Amino acid sequence: MRSRTSFAVLVLMSVVLAGCGLTTKRIADIQRYPGQYFDRSVTIEGRVTSSFAGPMLPVQFYKIDDGTGEMTVLTTTTARVPGRGQWVRVQGRVEELASFGERSFGLHMREERLTIKR
């Protein structure tokens, strides 16, 4: 009986810890500590402030503001890019164009999954 209880607790803890990775991150934290998030999949959530998409462009982008900062999101999907004012939740990899010392230039996210909230 005791081994079943221990197993159940272990499974419950695994589920809780796995779910911790699904929480949204503040854009300000990603911008402040880019090295902690670089090339890792994170989730951010906020309102789209601008978007750009063209029919012949291989990359489209939009900017999200979560109230703590703004981040550019790049996407290569052929799906519709969210429009200005829409509330979105985006999971993606944090990337940068260059870094010099502690400074990061061109910090952005490459979209892996997009959810548009209605």
PDB file of N, CA and C in Angstrom:
ATOM      1  N   MET A   1       0.821  -1.197   0.000  1.00  0.00           N
ATOM      2  CA  MET A   1       0.000   0.000   0.000  1.00  0.00           C
ATOM      3  C   MET A   1       0.860   1.254   0.000  1.00  0.00           C
ATOM      4  N   ARG A   2       1.934   1.202   0.774  1.00  0.00           N
ATOM      5  CA  ARG A   2       2.795   2.371   0.866  1.00  0.00           C
ATOM      6  C   ARG A   2       3.472   2.668  -0.472  1.00  0.00           C
ATOM      7  N   SER A   3       3.828   1.620  -1.225  1.00  0.00           N
ATOM      8  CA  SER A   3       4.501   1.833  -2.512  1.00  0.00           C
ATOM      9  C   SER A   3       3.543   2.489  -3.515  1.00  0.00           C
ATOM     10  N   ARG A   4       2.258   2.155  -3.438  1.00  0.00           N
ATOM     11  CA  ARG A   4       1.275   2.792  -4.311  1.00  0.00           C
ATOM     12  C   ARG A   4       1.152   4.279  -4.005  1.00  0.00           C
ATOM     13  N   THR A   5       1.137   4.628  -2.735  1.00  0.00           N
ATOM     14  CA  THR A   5       1.046   6.024  -2.330  1.00  0.00           C
ATOM     15  C   THR A   5       2.284   6.785  -2.789  1.00  0.00           C
ATOM     16  N   SER A   6       3.444   6.188  -2.602  1.00  0.00           N
ATOM     17  CA  SER A   6       4.693   6.832  -3.031  1.00  0.00           C
ATOM     18  C   SER A   6       4.701   7.021  -4.543  1.00  0.00           C
ATOM     19  N   PHE A   7       4.237   6.025  -5.275  1.00  0.00           N
ATOM     20  CA  PHE A   7       4.180   6.122  -6.737  1.00  0.00           C
ATOM     21  C   PHE A   7       3.223   7.229  -7.158  1.00  0.00           C
ATOM     22  N   ALA A   8       2.062   7.327  -6.513  1.00  0.00           N
ATOM     23  CA  ALA A   8       1.078   8.355  -6.844  1.00  0.00           C
ATOM     24  C   ALA A   8       1.644   9.750  -6.573  1.00  0.00           C
ATOM     25  N   VAL A   9       2.351   9.913  -5.466  1.00  0.00           N
ATOM     26  CA  VAL A   9       2.963  11.198  -5.148  1.00  0.00           C
ATOM     27  C   VAL A   9       4.019  11.544  -6.184  1.00  0.00           C
ATOM     28  N   LEU A  10       4.815  10.573  -6.593  1.00  0.00           N
ATOM     29  CA  LEU A  10       5.850  10.788  -7.591  1.00  0.00           C
ATOM     30  C   LEU A  10       5.243  11.210  -8.931  1.00  0.00           C
ATOM     31  N   VAL A  11       4.179  10.554  -9.333  1.00  0.00           N
ATOM     32  CA  VAL A  11       3.504  10.905 -10.585  1.00  0.00           C
ATOM     33  C   VAL A  11       2.916  12.311 -10.498  1.00  0.00           C
ATOM     34  N   LEU A  12       2.287  12.635  -9.390  1.00  0.00           N
ATOM     35  CA  LEU A  12       1.703  13.958  -9.201  1.00  0.00           C
ATOM     36  C   LEU A  12       2.775  15.045  -9.252  1.00  0.00           C
ATOM     37  N   MET A  13       3.902  14.827  -8.614  1.00  0.00           N
ATOM     38  CA  MET A  13       4.995  15.799  -8.638  1.00  0.00           C
ATOM     39  C   MET A  13       5.546  15.965 -10.045  1.00  0.00           C
ATOM     40  N   SER A  14       5.639  14.892 -10.808  1.00  0.00           N
ATOM     41  CA  SER A  14       6.127  14.963 -12.180  1.00  0.00           C
ATOM     42  C   SER A  14       5.201  15.797 -13.047  1.00  0.00           C
ATOM     43  N   VAL A  15       3.900  15.616 -12.864  1.00  0.00           N
ATOM     44  CA  VAL A  15       2.919  16.375 -13.639  1.00  0.00           C
ATOM     45  C   VAL A  15       3.006  17.853 -13.285  1.00  0.00           C
ATOM     46  N   VAL A  16       3.128  18.175 -12.015  1.00  0.00           N
ATOM     47  CA  VAL A  16       3.214  19.568 -11.582  1.00  0.00           C
ATOM     48  C   VAL A  16       4.479  20.210 -12.126  1.00  0.00           C
ATOM     49  N   LEU A  17       5.608  19.531 -12.029  1.00  0.00           N
ATOM     50  CA  LEU A  17       6.867  20.082 -12.523  1.00  0.00           C
ATOM     51  C   LEU A  17       6.857  20.224 -14.040  1.00  0.00           C
ATOM     52  N   ALA A  18       6.247  19.299 -14.742  1.00  0.00           N
ATOM     53  CA  ALA A  18       6.158  19.401 -16.202  1.00  0.00           C
ATOM     54  C   ALA A  18       5.289  20.584 -16.587  1.00  0.00           C
ATOM     55  N   GLY A  19       4.261  20.853 -15.827  1.00  0.00           N
ATOM     56  CA  GLY A  19       3.375  21.971 -16.098  1.00  0.00           C
ATOM     57  C   GLY A  19       4.018  23.324 -15.848  1.00  0.00           C
ATOM     58  N   CYS A  20       5.077  23.358 -15.057  1.00  0.00           N
ATOM     59  CA  CYS A  20       5.753  24.624 -14.783  1.00  0.00           C
ATOM     60  C   CYS A  20       6.351  25.227 -16.043  1.00  0.00           C
ATOM     61  N   GLY A  21       6.734  24.417 -16.992  1.00  0.00           N
ATOM     62  CA  GLY A  21       7.297  24.920 -18.232  1.00  0.00           C
ATOM     63  C   GLY A  21       6.265  25.557 -19.136  1.00  0.00           C
ATOM     64  N   LEU A  22       4.995  25.356 -18.843  1.00  0.00           N
ATOM     65  CA  LEU A  22       3.930  25.888 -19.676  1.00  0.00           C
ATOM     66  C   LEU A  22       3.477  27.275 -19.246  1.00  0.00           C
ATOM     67  N   THR A  23       4.004  27.765 -18.131  1.00  0.00           N
ATOM     68  CA  THR A  23       3.594  29.079 -17.673  1.00  0.00           C
ATOM     69  C   THR A  23       4.195  30.157 -18.564  1.00  0.00           C
ATOM     70  N   THR A  24       3.504  31.263 -18.639  1.00  0.00           N
ATOM     71  CA  THR A  24       3.993  32.356 -19.476  1.00  0.00           C
ATOM     72  C   THR A  24       5.114  33.096 -18.756  1.00  0.00           C
ATOM     73  N   LYS A  25       6.014  33.630 -19.546  1.00  0.00           N
ATOM     74  CA  LYS A  25       7.124  34.429 -19.038  1.00  0.00           C
ATOM     75  C   LYS A  25       6.850  35.890 -19.341  1.00  0.00           C
ATOM     76  N   ARG A  26       7.345  36.747 -18.485  1.00  0.00           N
ATOM     77  CA  ARG A  26       7.218  38.188 -18.724  1.00  0.00           C
ATOM     78  C   ARG A  26       8.260  38.598 -19.753  1.00  0.00           C
ATOM     79  N   ILE A  27       7.870  39.412 -20.711  1.00  0.00           N
ATOM     80  CA  ILE A  27       8.790  39.862 -21.745  1.00  0.00           C
ATOM     81  C   ILE A  27       9.940  40.643 -21.120  1.00  0.00           C
ATOM     82  N   ALA A  28       9.670  41.424 -20.094  1.00  0.00           N
ATOM     83  CA  ALA A  28      10.729  42.182 -19.422  1.00  0.00           C
ATOM     84  C   ALA A  28      11.805  41.251 -18.870  1.00  0.00           C
ATOM     85  N   ASP A  29      11.408  40.097 -18.329  1.00  0.00           N
ATOM     86  CA  ASP A  29      12.385  39.136 -17.800  1.00  0.00           C
ATOM     87  C   ASP A  29      13.239  38.547 -18.915  1.00  0.00           C
ATOM     88  N   ILE A  30      12.617  38.256 -20.044  1.00  0.00           N
ATOM     89  CA  ILE A  30      13.363  37.709 -21.183  1.00  0.00           C
ATOM     90  C   ILE A  30      14.357  38.751 -21.692  1.00  0.00           C
ATOM     91  N   GLN A  31      13.940  40.005 -21.756  1.00  0.00           N
ATOM     92  CA  GLN A  31      14.829  41.065 -22.226  1.00  0.00           C
ATOM     93  C   GLN A  31      15.938  41.366 -21.222  1.00  0.00           C
ATOM     94  N   ARG A  32      15.632  41.261 -19.953  1.00  0.00           N
ATOM     95  CA  ARG A  32      16.614  41.547 -18.913  1.00  0.00           C
ATOM     96  C   ARG A  32      17.657  40.440 -18.797  1.00  0.00           C
ATOM     97  N   TYR A  33      17.239  39.183 -18.961  1.00  0.00           N
ATOM     98  CA  TYR A  33      18.136  38.040 -18.822  1.00  0.00           C
ATOM     99  C   TYR A  33      18.071  37.143 -20.058  1.00  0.00           C
ATOM    100  N   PRO A  34      18.463  37.644 -21.231  1.00  0.00           N
ATOM    101  CA  PRO A  34      18.313  36.864 -22.461  1.00  0.00           C
ATOM    102  C   PRO A  34      19.096  35.552 -22.463  1.00  0.00           C
ATOM    103  N   GLY A  35      20.217  35.500 -21.764  1.00  0.00           N
ATOM    104  CA  GLY A  35      21.018  34.279 -21.722  1.00  0.00           C
ATOM    105  C   GLY A  35      20.292  33.107 -21.086  1.00  0.00           C
ATOM    106  N   GLN A  36      19.394  33.378 -20.144  1.00  0.00           N
ATOM    107  CA  GLN A  36      18.631  32.307 -19.492  1.00  0.00           C
ATOM    108  C   GLN A  36      17.595  31.691 -20.423  1.00  0.00           C
ATOM    109  N   TYR A  37      17.164  32.455 -21.408  1.00  0.00           N
ATOM    110  CA  TYR A  37      16.090  32.005 -22.276  1.00  0.00           C
ATOM    111  C   TYR A  37      16.548  31.683 -23.697  1.00  0.00           C
ATOM    112  N   PHE A  38      17.783  32.052 -24.043  1.00  0.00           N
ATOM    113  CA  PHE A  38      18.280  31.871 -25.405  1.00  0.00           C
ATOM    114  C   PHE A  38      18.180  30.421 -25.854  1.00  0.00           C
ATOM    115  N   ASP A  39      17.604  30.217 -27.034  1.00  0.00           N
ATOM    116  CA  ASP A  39      17.428  28.909 -27.660  1.00  0.00           C
ATOM    117  C   ASP A  39      16.604  27.948 -26.809  1.00  0.00           C
ATOM    118  N   ARG A  40      15.741  28.495 -25.989  1.00  0.00           N
ATOM    119  CA  ARG A  40      14.822  27.678 -25.194  1.00  0.00           C
ATOM    120  C   ARG A  40      13.400  28.035 -25.584  1.00  0.00           C
ATOM    121  N   SER A  41      12.546  27.072 -25.466  1.00  0.00           N
ATOM    122  CA  SER A  41      11.140  27.286 -25.778  1.00  0.00           C
ATOM    123  C   SER A  41      10.448  27.915 -24.571  1.00  0.00           C
ATOM    124  N   VAL A  42       9.839  29.071 -24.783  1.00  0.00           N
ATOM    125  CA  VAL A  42       9.104  29.765 -23.734  1.00  0.00           C
ATOM    126  C   VAL A  42       7.743  30.189 -24.285  1.00  0.00           C
ATOM    127  N   THR A  43       6.870  30.576 -23.382  1.00  0.00           N
ATOM    128  CA  THR A  43       5.543  31.038 -23.773  1.00  0.00           C
ATOM    129  C   THR A  43       5.347  32.460 -23.270  1.00  0.00           C
ATOM    130  N   ILE A  44       4.872  33.330 -24.159  1.00  0.00           N
ATOM    131  CA  ILE A  44       4.519  34.691 -23.781  1.00  0.00           C
ATOM    132  C   ILE A  44       3.073  34.937 -24.200  1.00  0.00           C
ATOM    133  N   GLU A  45       2.488  35.949 -23.594  1.00  0.00           N
ATOM    134  CA  GLU A  45       1.081  36.240 -23.851  1.00  0.00           C
ATOM    135  C   GLU A  45       0.890  37.745 -23.816  1.00  0.00           C
ATOM    136  N   GLY A  46       0.111  38.277 -24.744  1.00  0.00           N
ATOM    137  CA  GLY A  46      -0.146  39.708 -24.745  1.00  0.00           C
ATOM    138  C   GLY A  46      -0.925  40.139 -25.966  1.00  0.00           C
ATOM    139  N   ARG A  47      -0.975  41.458 -26.151  1.00  0.00           N
ATOM    140  CA  ARG A  47      -1.731  42.054 -27.251  1.00  0.00           C
ATOM    141  C   ARG A  47      -0.787  42.372 -28.402  1.00  0.00           C
ATOM    142  N   VAL A  48      -1.227  42.075 -29.620  1.00  0.00           N
ATOM    143  CA  VAL A  48      -0.445  42.362 -30.820  1.00  0.00           C
ATOM    144  C   VAL A  48      -0.494  43.862 -31.071  1.00  0.00           C
ATOM    145  N   THR A  49       0.691  44.478 -31.176  1.00  0.00           N
ATOM    146  CA  THR A  49       0.755  45.921 -31.404  1.00  0.00           C
ATOM    147  C   THR A  49       0.965  46.253 -32.875  1.00  0.00           C
ATOM    148  N   SER A  50       1.585  45.351 -33.615  1.00  0.00           N
ATOM    149  CA  SER A  50       1.755  45.546 -35.060  1.00  0.00           C
ATOM    150  C   SER A  50       2.076  44.202 -35.692  1.00  0.00           C
ATOM    151  N   SER A  51       1.806  44.103 -36.988  1.00  0.00           N
ATOM    152  CA  SER A  51       2.121  42.860 -37.701  1.00  0.00           C
ATOM    153  C   SER A  51       2.444  43.196 -39.151  1.00  0.00           C
ATOM    154  N   PHE A  52       3.256  42.333 -39.761  1.00  0.00           N
ATOM    155  CA  PHE A  52       3.640  42.530 -41.146  1.00  0.00           C
ATOM    156  C   PHE A  52       3.675  41.182 -41.840  1.00  0.00           C
ATOM    157  N   ALA A  53       2.969  41.077 -42.922  1.00  0.00           N
ATOM    158  CA  ALA A  53       2.937  39.837 -43.692  1.00  0.00           C
ATOM    159  C   ALA A  53       2.774  40.190 -45.165  1.00  0.00           C
ATOM    160  N   GLY A  54       3.446  39.450 -45.987  1.00  0.00           N
ATOM    161  CA  GLY A  54       3.325  39.657 -47.421  1.00  0.00           C
ATOM    162  C   GLY A  54       3.159  38.310 -48.108  1.00  0.00           C
ATOM    163  N   PRO A  55       2.475  38.268 -49.234  1.00  0.00           N
ATOM    164  CA  PRO A  55       2.190  36.990 -49.891  1.00  0.00           C
ATOM    165  C   PRO A  55       3.434  36.260 -50.406  1.00  0.00           C
ATOM    166  N   MET A  56       4.488  36.972 -50.740  1.00  0.00           N
ATOM    167  CA  MET A  56       5.678  36.331 -51.305  1.00  0.00           C
ATOM    168  C   MET A  56       6.852  36.308 -50.329  1.00  0.00           C
ATOM    169  N   LEU A  57       6.639  36.715 -49.090  1.00  0.00           N
ATOM    170  CA  LEU A  57       7.722  36.769 -48.118  1.00  0.00           C
ATOM    171  C   LEU A  57       7.841  35.443 -47.374  1.00  0.00           C
ATOM    172  N   PRO A  58       9.063  34.942 -47.186  1.00  0.00           N
ATOM    173  CA  PRO A  58       9.237  33.674 -46.473  1.00  0.00           C
ATOM    174  C   PRO A  58       9.080  33.819 -44.959  1.00  0.00           C
ATOM    175  N   VAL A  59       9.256  35.038 -44.437  1.00  0.00           N
ATOM    176  CA  VAL A  59       9.141  35.283 -43.007  1.00  0.00           C
ATOM    177  C   VAL A  59       8.158  36.416 -42.775  1.00  0.00           C
ATOM    178  N   GLN A  60       7.286  36.221 -41.804  1.00  0.00           N
ATOM    179  CA  GLN A  60       6.330  37.240 -41.406  1.00  0.00           C
ATOM    180  C   GLN A  60       6.576  37.519 -39.927  1.00  0.00           C
ATOM    181  N   PHE A  61       6.161  38.671 -39.451  1.00  0.00           N
ATOM    182  CA  PHE A  61       6.396  38.961 -38.043  1.00  0.00           C
ATOM    183  C   PHE A  61       5.290  39.816 -37.454  1.00  0.00           C
ATOM    184  N   TYR A  62       5.233  39.777 -36.132  1.00  0.00           N
ATOM    185  CA  TYR A  62       4.316  40.617 -35.384  1.00  0.00           C
ATOM    186  C   TYR A  62       4.946  40.917 -34.038  1.00  0.00           C
ATOM    187  N   LYS A  63       4.478  41.982 -33.380  1.00  0.00           N
ATOM    188  CA  LYS A  63       5.009  42.379 -32.085  1.00  0.00           C
ATOM    189  C   LYS A  63       3.939  42.196 -31.028  1.00  0.00           C
ATOM    190  N   ILE A  64       4.367  41.710 -29.858  1.00  0.00           N
ATOM    191  CA  ILE A  64       3.459  41.473 -28.738  1.00  0.00           C
ATOM    192  C   ILE A  64       3.887  42.337 -27.561  1.00  0.00           C
ATOM    193  N   ASP A  65       2.912  42.951 -26.915  1.00  0.00           N
ATOM    194  CA  ASP A  65       3.148  43.732 -25.698  1.00  0.00           C
ATOM    195  C   ASP A  65       2.366  43.082 -24.565  1.00  0.00           C
ATOM    196  N   ASP A  66       3.078  42.712 -23.498  1.00  0.00           N
ATOM    197  CA  ASP A  66       2.402  42.089 -22.360  1.00  0.00           C
ATOM    198  C   ASP A  66       2.260  43.033 -21.171  1.00  0.00           C
ATOM    199  N   GLY A  67       2.575  44.308 -21.381  1.00  0.00           N
ATOM    200  CA  GLY A  67       2.484  45.279 -20.300  1.00  0.00           C
ATOM    201  C   GLY A  67       3.823  45.506 -19.613  1.00  0.00           C
ATOM    202  N   THR A  68       4.775  44.583 -19.788  1.00  0.00           N
ATOM    203  CA  THR A  68       6.108  44.749 -19.205  1.00  0.00           C
ATOM    204  C   THR A  68       7.144  45.064 -20.273  1.00  0.00           C
ATOM    205  N   GLY A  69       6.798  44.824 -21.527  1.00  0.00           N
ATOM    206  CA  GLY A  69       7.718  45.055 -22.630  1.00  0.00           C
ATOM    207  C   GLY A  69       7.114  44.564 -23.928  1.00  0.00           C
ATOM    208  N   GLU A  70       7.871  44.731 -25.000  1.00  0.00           N
ATOM    209  CA  GLU A  70       7.398  44.327 -26.327  1.00  0.00           C
ATOM    210  C   GLU A  70       8.439  43.416 -26.972  1.00  0.00           C
ATOM    211  N   MET A  71       7.972  42.370 -27.661  1.00  0.00           N
ATOM    212  CA  MET A  71       8.869  41.433 -28.319  1.00  0.00           C
ATOM    213  C   MET A  71       8.372  41.125 -29.715  1.00  0.00           C
ATOM    214  N   THR A  72       9.317  41.017 -30.642  1.00  0.00           N
ATOM    215  CA  THR A  72       9.007  40.644 -32.021  1.00  0.00           C
ATOM    216  C   THR A  72       8.952  39.131 -32.125  1.00  0.00           C
ATOM    217  N   VAL A  73       7.954  38.631 -32.843  1.00  0.00           N
ATOM    218  CA  VAL A  73       7.793  37.200 -33.075  1.00  0.00           C
ATOM    219  C   VAL A  73       7.882  36.960 -34.579  1.00  0.00           C
ATOM    220  N   LEU A  74       8.785  36.069 -34.984  1.00  0.00           N
ATOM    221  CA  LEU A  74       8.919  35.696 -36.391  1.00  0.00           C
ATOM    222  C   LEU A  74       8.186  34.393 -36.631  1.00  0.00           C
ATOM    223  N   THR A  75       7.566  34.282 -37.794  1.00  0.00           N
ATOM    224  CA  THR A  75       6.880  33.044 -38.151  1.00  0.00           C
ATOM    225  C   THR A  75       7.121  32.727 -39.617  1.00  0.00           C
ATOM    226  N   THR A  76       7.208  31.451 -39.922  1.00  0.00           N
ATOM    227  CA  THR A  76       7.370  31.010 -41.312  1.00  0.00           C
ATOM    228  C   THR A  76       6.157  30.221 -41.779  1.00  0.00           C
ATOM    229  N   THR A  77       5.127  30.195 -40.959  1.00  0.00           N
ATOM    230  CA  THR A  77       3.927  29.456 -41.342  1.00  0.00           C
ATOM    231  C   THR A  77       3.169  30.212 -42.420  1.00  0.00           C
ATOM    232  N   THR A  78       2.365  29.496 -43.138  1.00  0.00           N
ATOM    233  CA  THR A  78       1.549  30.122 -44.178  1.00  0.00           C
ATOM    234  C   THR A  78       0.191  30.561 -43.629  1.00  0.00           C
ATOM    235  N   ALA A  79      -0.021  30.291 -42.345  1.00  0.00           N
ATOM    236  CA  ALA A  79      -1.281  30.690 -41.716  1.00  0.00           C
ATOM    237  C   ALA A  79      -1.327  32.208 -41.565  1.00  0.00           C
ATOM    238  N   ARG A  80      -2.481  32.711 -41.290  1.00  0.00           N
ATOM    239  CA  ARG A  80      -2.693  34.141 -41.129  1.00  0.00           C
ATOM    240  C   ARG A  80      -1.950  34.657 -39.896  1.00  0.00           C
ATOM    241  N   VAL A  81      -1.284  35.794 -40.046  1.00  0.00           N
ATOM    242  CA  VAL A  81      -0.606  36.454 -38.939  1.00  0.00           C
ATOM    243  C   VAL A  81      -1.654  37.200 -38.125  1.00  0.00           C
ATOM    244  N   PRO A  82      -1.587  37.152 -36.790  1.00  0.00           N
ATOM    245  CA  PRO A  82      -2.595  37.851 -35.992  1.00  0.00           C
ATOM    246  C   PRO A  82      -2.558  39.357 -36.245  1.00  0.00           C
ATOM    247  N   GLY A  83      -3.712  39.964 -36.201  1.00  0.00           N
ATOM    248  CA  GLY A  83      -3.830  41.390 -36.473  1.00  0.00           C
ATOM    249  C   GLY A  83      -3.657  42.239 -35.229  1.00  0.00           C
ATOM    250  N   ARG A  84      -3.463  43.508 -35.462  1.00  0.00           N
ATOM    251  CA  ARG A  84      -3.275  44.466 -34.382  1.00  0.00           C
ATOM    252  C   ARG A  84      -4.473  44.435 -33.433  1.00  0.00           C
ATOM    253  N   GLY A  85      -4.174  44.404 -32.136  1.00  0.00           N
ATOM    254  CA  GLY A  85      -5.219  44.414 -31.125  1.00  0.00           C
ATOM    255  C   GLY A  85      -5.649  43.038 -30.639  1.00  0.00           C
ATOM    256  N   GLN A  86      -5.282  41.979 -31.343  1.00  0.00           N
ATOM    257  CA  GLN A  86      -5.681  40.640 -30.915  1.00  0.00           C
ATOM    258  C   GLN A  86      -4.822  40.191 -29.735  1.00  0.00           C
ATOM    259  N   TRP A  87      -5.451  39.432 -28.829  1.00  0.00           N
ATOM    260  CA  TRP A  87      -4.757  38.878 -27.670  1.00  0.00           C
ATOM    261  C   TRP A  87      -4.273  37.487 -28.063  1.00  0.00           C
ATOM    262  N   VAL A  88      -2.962  37.235 -27.912  1.00  0.00           N
ATOM    263  CA  VAL A  88      -2.389  35.956 -28.348  1.00  0.00           C
ATOM    264  C   VAL A  88      -1.523  35.341 -27.255  1.00  0.00           C
ATOM    265  N   ARG A  89      -1.344  34.059 -27.384  1.00  0.00           N
ATOM    266  CA  ARG A  89      -0.422  33.288 -26.543  1.00  0.00           C
ATOM    267  C   ARG A  89       0.501  32.574 -27.522  1.00  0.00           C
ATOM    268  N   VAL A  90       1.816  32.798 -27.382  1.00  0.00           N
ATOM    269  CA  VAL A  90       2.780  32.263 -28.328  1.00  0.00           C
ATOM    270  C   VAL A  90       3.834  31.450 -27.597  1.00  0.00           C
ATOM    271  N   GLN A  91       4.069  30.253 -28.107  1.00  0.00           N
ATOM    272  CA  GLN A  91       5.181  29.439 -27.625  1.00  0.00           C
ATOM    273  C   GLN A  91       6.218  29.446 -28.726  1.00  0.00           C
ATOM    274  N   GLY A  92       7.471  29.666 -28.346  1.00  0.00           N
ATOM    275  CA  GLY A  92       8.522  29.700 -29.353  1.00  0.00           C
ATOM    276  C   GLY A  92       9.897  29.729 -28.738  1.00  0.00           C
ATOM    277  N   ARG A  93      10.902  29.723 -29.602  1.00  0.00           N
ATOM    278  CA  ARG A  93      12.308  29.744 -29.184  1.00  0.00           C
ATOM    279  C   ARG A  93      12.829  31.177 -29.209  1.00  0.00           C
ATOM    280  N   VAL A  94      13.510  31.552 -28.143  1.00  0.00           N
ATOM    281  CA  VAL A  94      14.109  32.877 -28.042  1.00  0.00           C
ATOM    282  C   VAL A  94      15.430  32.873 -28.798  1.00  0.00           C
ATOM    283  N   GLU A  95      15.612  33.862 -29.677  1.00  0.00           N
ATOM    284  CA  GLU A  95      16.823  33.969 -30.474  1.00  0.00           C
ATOM    285  C   GLU A  95      17.283  35.426 -30.462  1.00  0.00           C
ATOM    286  N   GLU A  96      18.501  35.657 -30.916  1.00  0.00           N
ATOM    287  CA  GLU A  96      19.011  37.017 -31.050  1.00  0.00           C
ATOM    288  C   GLU A  96      19.894  37.092 -32.283  1.00  0.00           C
ATOM    289  N   LEU A  97      20.024  38.282 -32.839  1.00  0.00           N
ATOM    290  CA  LEU A  97      20.871  38.458 -34.008  1.00  0.00           C
ATOM    291  C   LEU A  97      22.341  38.509 -33.606  1.00  0.00           C
ATOM    292  N   ALA A  98      22.633  39.192 -32.499  1.00  0.00           N
ATOM    293  CA  ALA A  98      24.014  39.308 -32.031  1.00  0.00           C
ATOM    294  C   ALA A  98      24.021  39.694 -30.562  1.00  0.00           C
ATOM    295  N   SER A  99      25.154  39.457 -29.908  1.00  0.00           N
ATOM    296  CA  SER A  99      25.329  39.921 -28.536  1.00  0.00           C
ATOM    297  C   SER A  99      26.772  40.392 -28.368  1.00  0.00           C
ATOM    298  N   PHE A 100      26.907  41.463 -27.635  1.00  0.00           N
ATOM    299  CA  PHE A 100      28.215  42.030 -27.329  1.00  0.00           C
ATOM    300  C   PHE A 100      28.296  42.187 -25.820  1.00  0.00           C
ATOM    301  N   GLY A 101      29.092  41.350 -25.192  1.00  0.00           N
ATOM    302  CA  GLY A 101      29.167  41.372 -23.735  1.00  0.00           C
ATOM    303  C   GLY A 101      27.834  40.981 -23.149  1.00  0.00           C
ATOM    304  N   GLU A 102      27.294  41.841 -22.336  1.00  0.00           N
ATOM    305  CA  GLU A 102      26.000  41.593 -21.694  1.00  0.00           C
ATOM    306  C   GLU A 102      24.828  42.094 -22.525  1.00  0.00           C
ATOM    307  N   ARG A 103      25.085  42.791 -23.629  1.00  0.00           N
ATOM    308  CA  ARG A 103      24.026  43.377 -24.456  1.00  0.00           C
ATOM    309  C   ARG A 103      23.564  42.449 -25.551  1.00  0.00           C
ATOM    310  N   SER A 104      22.259  42.371 -25.709  1.00  0.00           N
ATOM    311  CA  SER A 104      21.661  41.545 -26.746  1.00  0.00           C
ATOM    312  C   SER A 104      21.036  42.444 -27.805  1.00  0.00           C
ATOM    313  N   PHE A 105      21.283  42.137 -29.074  1.00  0.00           N
ATOM    314  CA  PHE A 105      20.725  42.916 -30.169  1.00  0.00           C
ATOM    315  C   PHE A 105      19.836  42.015 -31.024  1.00  0.00           C
ATOM    316  N   GLY A 106      18.685  42.523 -31.376  1.00  0.00           N
ATOM    317  CA  GLY A 106      17.773  41.759 -32.227  1.00  0.00           C
ATOM    318  C   GLY A 106      17.115  40.595 -31.512  1.00  0.00           C
ATOM    319  N   LEU A 107      16.840  40.751 -30.219  1.00  0.00           N
ATOM    320  CA  LEU A 107      16.181  39.695 -29.458  1.00  0.00           C
ATOM    321  C   LEU A 107      14.770  39.490 -30.002  1.00  0.00           C
ATOM    322  N   HIS A 108      14.422  38.260 -30.319  1.00  0.00           N
ATOM    323  CA  HIS A 108      13.107  37.947 -30.870  1.00  0.00           C
ATOM    324  C   HIS A 108      12.743  36.512 -30.541  1.00  0.00           C
ATOM    325  N   MET A 109      11.564  36.117 -30.922  1.00  0.00           N
ATOM    326  CA  MET A 109      11.082  34.752 -30.708  1.00  0.00           C
ATOM    327  C   MET A 109      10.679  34.157 -32.044  1.00  0.00           C
ATOM    328  N   ARG A 110      11.054  32.916 -32.270  1.00  0.00           N
ATOM    329  CA  ARG A 110      10.625  32.191 -33.467  1.00  0.00           C
ATOM    330  C   ARG A 110       9.436  31.324 -33.063  1.00  0.00           C
ATOM    331  N   GLU A 111       8.285  31.619 -33.652  1.00  0.00           N
ATOM    332  CA  GLU A 111       7.023  30.969 -33.291  1.00  0.00           C
ATOM    333  C   GLU A 111       7.043  29.462 -33.539  1.00  0.00           C
ATOM    334  N   GLU A 112       6.580  28.720 -32.523  1.00  0.00           N
ATOM    335  CA  GLU A 112       6.367  27.271 -32.648  1.00  0.00           C
ATOM    336  C   GLU A 112       4.874  26.958 -32.599  1.00  0.00           C
ATOM    337  N   ARG A 113       4.156  27.712 -31.751  1.00  0.00           N
ATOM    338  CA  ARG A 113       2.707  27.486 -31.595  1.00  0.00           C
ATOM    339  C   ARG A 113       2.039  28.809 -31.259  1.00  0.00           C
ATOM    340  N   LEU A 114       0.923  29.074 -31.921  1.00  0.00           N
ATOM    341  CA  LEU A 114       0.183  30.318 -31.719  1.00  0.00           C
ATOM    342  C   LEU A 114      -1.260  30.002 -31.349  1.00  0.00           C
ATOM    343  N   THR A 115      -1.744  30.678 -30.325  1.00  0.00           N
ATOM    344  CA  THR A 115      -3.148  30.588 -29.948  1.00  0.00           C
ATOM    345  C   THR A 115      -3.711  32.000 -29.903  1.00  0.00           C
ATOM    346  N   ILE A 116      -4.745  32.241 -30.672  1.00  0.00           N
ATOM    347  CA  ILE A 116      -5.398  33.548 -30.670  1.00  0.00           C
ATOM    348  C   ILE A 116      -6.601  33.452 -29.740  1.00  0.00           C
ATOM    349  N   LYS A 117      -6.602  34.293 -28.715  1.00  0.00           N
ATOM    350  CA  LYS A 117      -7.701  34.273 -27.747  1.00  0.00           C
ATOM    351  C   LYS A 117      -8.839  35.137 -28.257  1.00  0.00           C
ATOM    352  N   ARG A 118     -10.034  34.687 -28.040  1.00  0.00           N
ATOM    353  CA  ARG A 118     -11.223  35.428 -28.497  1.00  0.00           C
ATOM    354  C   ARG A 118     -11.968  35.996 -27.335  1.00  0.00           C
TER     355      ARG A 118
END
